[in-house]
Protein backbone atom coordinates (compact mmCIF):
# COMPACT_ATOMS: atom_id res chain seq x y z
CA MET A 1 -32.17 -46.49 -16.41
CA GLY A 2 -29.10 -48.60 -17.06
CA GLU A 3 -27.53 -45.71 -18.97
CA PHE A 4 -27.54 -43.43 -15.92
CA SER A 5 -26.05 -46.02 -13.61
CA SER A 6 -22.76 -45.81 -15.50
CA PHE A 7 -22.46 -42.12 -14.48
CA GLY A 8 -22.75 -42.96 -10.78
CA PRO A 9 -19.03 -43.63 -10.16
CA ILE A 10 -18.08 -40.51 -12.12
CA LEU A 11 -20.46 -38.32 -10.11
CA VAL A 12 -19.23 -39.80 -6.83
CA SER A 13 -15.62 -39.03 -7.76
CA LEU A 14 -16.44 -35.46 -8.93
CA LEU A 15 -18.50 -34.56 -5.85
CA PRO A 16 -15.48 -34.10 -3.50
CA LEU A 17 -13.79 -31.92 -6.14
CA VAL A 18 -16.86 -29.67 -6.39
CA ILE A 19 -17.05 -29.40 -2.59
CA VAL A 20 -13.36 -28.42 -2.34
CA ILE A 21 -13.81 -25.75 -5.04
CA LEU A 22 -16.82 -24.29 -3.22
CA ILE A 23 -14.97 -24.19 0.13
CA LEU A 24 -11.89 -22.51 -1.38
CA SER A 25 -13.94 -19.87 -3.17
CA ARG A 26 -15.81 -19.09 0.04
CA MET A 27 -12.54 -18.74 1.98
CA GLY A 28 -11.15 -16.40 -0.69
CA LYS A 29 -14.27 -14.25 -0.53
CA LYS A 30 -14.00 -13.94 3.27
CA GLN A 31 -10.33 -12.94 2.99
CA ARG A 32 -11.14 -10.26 0.39
CA GLU A 33 -13.90 -8.92 2.67
CA ARG A 34 -11.45 -8.70 5.60
CA GLU A 35 -8.91 -6.84 3.45
CA ALA A 36 -11.60 -4.43 2.24
CA ALA A 37 -12.62 -3.77 5.85
CA LYS A 38 -8.99 -3.00 6.77
CA ARG A 39 -8.71 -0.57 3.86
CA THR A 40 -11.94 1.15 4.88
CA GLU A 41 -10.67 1.39 8.46
CA ALA A 42 -7.40 2.90 7.27
CA LEU A 43 -9.17 5.67 5.35
CA ALA A 44 -9.44 8.22 8.14
CA VAL A 45 -7.92 11.70 8.27
CA GLY A 46 -4.68 11.66 10.26
CA ASN A 47 -3.79 8.01 9.60
CA TRP A 48 -0.46 7.03 8.06
CA VAL A 49 -1.07 4.72 5.11
CA MET A 50 0.88 2.88 2.43
CA THR A 51 -0.26 2.78 -1.19
CA ARG A 52 0.15 -0.07 -3.67
CA ALA A 53 3.09 1.86 -5.13
CA GLY A 54 4.85 1.83 -1.74
CA PHE A 55 4.24 5.54 -1.02
CA TYR A 56 3.79 6.41 2.64
CA GLY A 57 1.66 9.40 3.53
CA LYS A 58 -0.59 10.85 6.17
CA ILE A 59 -4.21 11.30 5.08
CA ALA A 60 -4.88 15.03 5.03
CA GLU A 61 -8.26 14.98 3.31
CA ILE A 62 -10.75 12.55 1.80
CA ASP A 63 -13.11 13.63 -0.97
CA GLY A 64 -15.11 10.69 -2.31
CA ASP A 65 -12.71 8.39 -4.14
CA VAL A 66 -9.80 10.84 -3.90
CA VAL A 67 -7.42 10.87 -0.93
CA VAL A 68 -4.94 13.68 -0.27
CA LEU A 69 -1.74 12.23 1.20
CA GLU A 70 0.78 14.44 2.94
CA THR A 71 4.50 13.68 3.23
CA PRO A 72 6.45 14.44 6.42
CA LEU A 73 7.76 17.59 4.70
CA GLY A 74 4.20 18.84 4.12
CA ASP A 75 3.94 18.15 0.39
CA GLU A 76 0.53 16.88 -0.68
CA SER A 77 -0.44 14.57 -3.52
CA LEU A 78 -3.74 13.17 -4.77
CA TRP A 79 -4.35 9.42 -4.78
CA ASP A 80 -7.24 7.18 -5.70
CA ALA A 81 -8.74 5.73 -2.51
CA GLY A 82 -8.42 2.24 -4.00
CA SER A 83 -4.65 2.59 -4.11
CA VAL A 84 -4.44 2.73 -0.30
CA VAL A 85 -3.51 -0.77 0.80
CA VAL A 86 -3.00 -0.65 4.54
CA GLN A 87 -2.69 1.64 7.55
CA LYS A 88 1.03 1.67 8.24
CA GLU A 89 3.59 4.16 9.48
CA PRO A 90 6.69 4.61 7.34
CA PRO A 91 9.80 2.75 8.45
CA VAL A 92 12.22 5.25 9.96
CA ALA A 93 15.55 4.98 11.72
CA GLU A 94 15.65 4.96 15.51
CA GLY A 95 15.79 8.42 17.03
CA SER A 96 14.40 10.01 13.88
CA THR A 97 11.93 12.83 14.32
CA LEU A 98 10.30 12.14 10.97
CA LEU A 99 6.78 11.36 12.15
CA ASP A 100 6.28 14.04 14.76
CA GLY A 101 6.38 16.86 12.22
CA SER A 102 9.77 18.24 13.24
CA LEU A 103 11.88 16.67 10.55
CA GLU A 104 15.48 17.70 10.79
CA VAL A 105 16.70 18.35 7.26
CA ASP A 106 20.21 19.57 8.15
CA ALA A 107 21.82 16.36 6.93
CA LEU A 108 19.82 16.52 3.70
CA ASP A 109 20.71 20.18 3.21
CA ASP A 110 24.39 19.39 3.80
CA PHE A 111 24.25 16.57 1.27
CA VAL A 112 22.57 18.74 -1.37
CA GLU A 113 24.98 21.63 -0.80
CA THR A 114 27.97 19.27 -1.00
CA GLU A 115 26.71 17.64 -4.20
CA LEU A 116 25.96 21.02 -5.79
CA TYR A 117 29.34 22.35 -4.70
CA ASN A 118 31.11 19.29 -6.16
CA ASP A 119 29.18 19.66 -9.44
CA VAL A 120 30.18 23.33 -9.71
CA GLU A 121 33.84 22.51 -8.95
CA GLU A 122 33.85 19.81 -11.65
CA GLU A 123 32.45 22.27 -14.20
CA ASP A 124 35.09 24.86 -13.24
CA THR A 125 37.95 22.39 -13.64
CA ASP A 126 36.61 21.24 -17.02
CA ALA A 127 36.55 24.79 -18.38
């Protein structure tokens, strides 16, 4: 019996450590459950979501573990449902019509035309 009495102080000092570890693991589990609930909530057709890769898209269709995300321009891409992190609208400039489906692409078209025109001019001057 005298042998076990020497372990008493060690057990008393380890007990608080074990309790802290158990409490922290329980808190982590609750946080993971809340995050999983948010992800499940976000997976609904019509919601804007953000993926782990930082891609913003509107859920067009859900088929099991595959989610079809649509860009504001109407392009669709397939994503694993686990890659959806949170329900979140894309950050857009004030006054932008990006999210209401009537994206004005005039500025983009002008930029592309200007860049293509400049590229063609550079090739002509090189020749």
